[in-house]
Amino acid sequence: MKKIAALIAVLCLSFGALAHSGGTDKNGCHRDHRNGGSHCH
């Protein structure tokens, strides 16, 4: 049971690694300076 709880905790905490910083415009989009264009959430 402890292994399952630890796995769930790791999975929940790992979602923060997918987030990134940067301001958004009024549509919730970021400029992608590296690849050009933009992406929205």
C-alpha atoms as a PDB file:
ATOM      1  CA  MET A   1       0.000   0.000   0.000  1.00  0.00           C
ATOM      2  CA  LYS A   2       2.889   2.387   0.742  1.00  0.00           C
ATOM      3  CA  LYS A   3       4.301   1.797  -2.736  1.00  0.00           C
ATOM      4  CA  ILE A   4       0.998   2.795  -4.332  1.00  0.00           C
ATOM      5  CA  ALA A   5       0.787   5.948  -2.212  1.00  0.00           C
ATOM      6  CA  ALA A   6       4.379   6.838  -3.127  1.00  0.00           C
ATOM      7  CA  LEU A   7       3.654   6.288  -6.823  1.00  0.00           C
ATOM      8  CA  ILE A   8       0.582   8.504  -6.674  1.00  0.00           C
ATOM      9  CA  ALA A   9       2.566  11.219  -4.883  1.00  0.00           C
ATOM     10  CA  VAL A  10       5.336  11.102  -7.501  1.00  0.00           C
ATOM     11  CA  LEU A  11       2.832  11.290 -10.345  1.00  0.00           C
ATOM     12  CA  CYS A  12       1.018  14.236  -8.785  1.00  0.00           C
ATOM     13  CA  LEU A  13       4.224  16.138  -8.123  1.00  0.00           C
ATOM     14  CA  SER A  14       5.639  15.448 -11.581  1.00  0.00           C
ATOM     15  CA  PHE A  15       2.888  17.433 -13.283  1.00  0.00           C
ATOM     16  CA  GLY A  16       4.572  20.591 -12.018  1.00  0.00           C
ATOM     17  CA  ALA A  17       7.562  19.757 -14.189  1.00  0.00           C
ATOM     18  CA  LEU A  18       5.385  20.097 -17.278  1.00  0.00           C
ATOM     19  CA  ALA A  19       4.518  23.692 -16.469  1.00  0.00           C
ATOM     20  CA  HIS A  20       6.663  26.539 -17.731  1.00  0.00           C
ATOM     21  CA  SER A  21       7.045  30.175 -16.948  1.00  0.00           C
ATOM     22  CA  GLY A  22       6.220  33.070 -19.171  1.00  0.00           C
ATOM     23  CA  GLY A  23       3.507  35.636 -19.472  1.00  0.00           C
ATOM     24  CA  THR A  24       0.385  35.075 -21.467  1.00  0.00           C
ATOM     25  CA  ASP A  25      -1.571  37.460 -23.635  1.00  0.00           C
ATOM     26  CA  LYS A  26      -5.299  38.131 -23.308  1.00  0.00           C
ATOM     27  CA  ASN A  27      -6.029  34.792 -25.024  1.00  0.00           C
ATOM     28  CA  GLY A  28      -3.794  32.781 -22.675  1.00  0.00           C
ATOM     29  CA  CYS A  29      -1.115  32.263 -25.343  1.00  0.00           C
ATOM     30  CA  HIS A  30       2.686  32.374 -25.132  1.00  0.00           C
ATOM     31  CA  ARG A  31       5.092  33.498 -27.843  1.00  0.00           C
ATOM     32  CA  ASP A  32       7.405  30.663 -28.817  1.00  0.00           C
ATOM     33  CA  HIS A  33      10.649  32.515 -29.538  1.00  0.00           C
ATOM     34  CA  ARG A  34      12.648  29.339 -30.091  1.00  0.00           C
ATOM     35  CA  ASN A  35      10.397  27.812 -32.752  1.00  0.00           C
ATOM     36  CA  GLY A  36       8.418  30.858 -33.866  1.00  0.00           C
ATOM     37  CA  GLY A  37       4.682  31.237 -33.522  1.00  0.00           C
ATOM     38  CA  SER A  38       2.797  30.798 -30.287  1.00  0.00           C
ATOM     39  CA  HIS A  39       0.903  28.225 -28.276  1.00  0.00           C
ATOM     40  CA  CYS A  40      -2.166  28.491 -26.095  1.00  0.00           C
ATOM     41  CA  HIS A  41      -3.479  26.712 -23.032  1.00  0.00           C
END
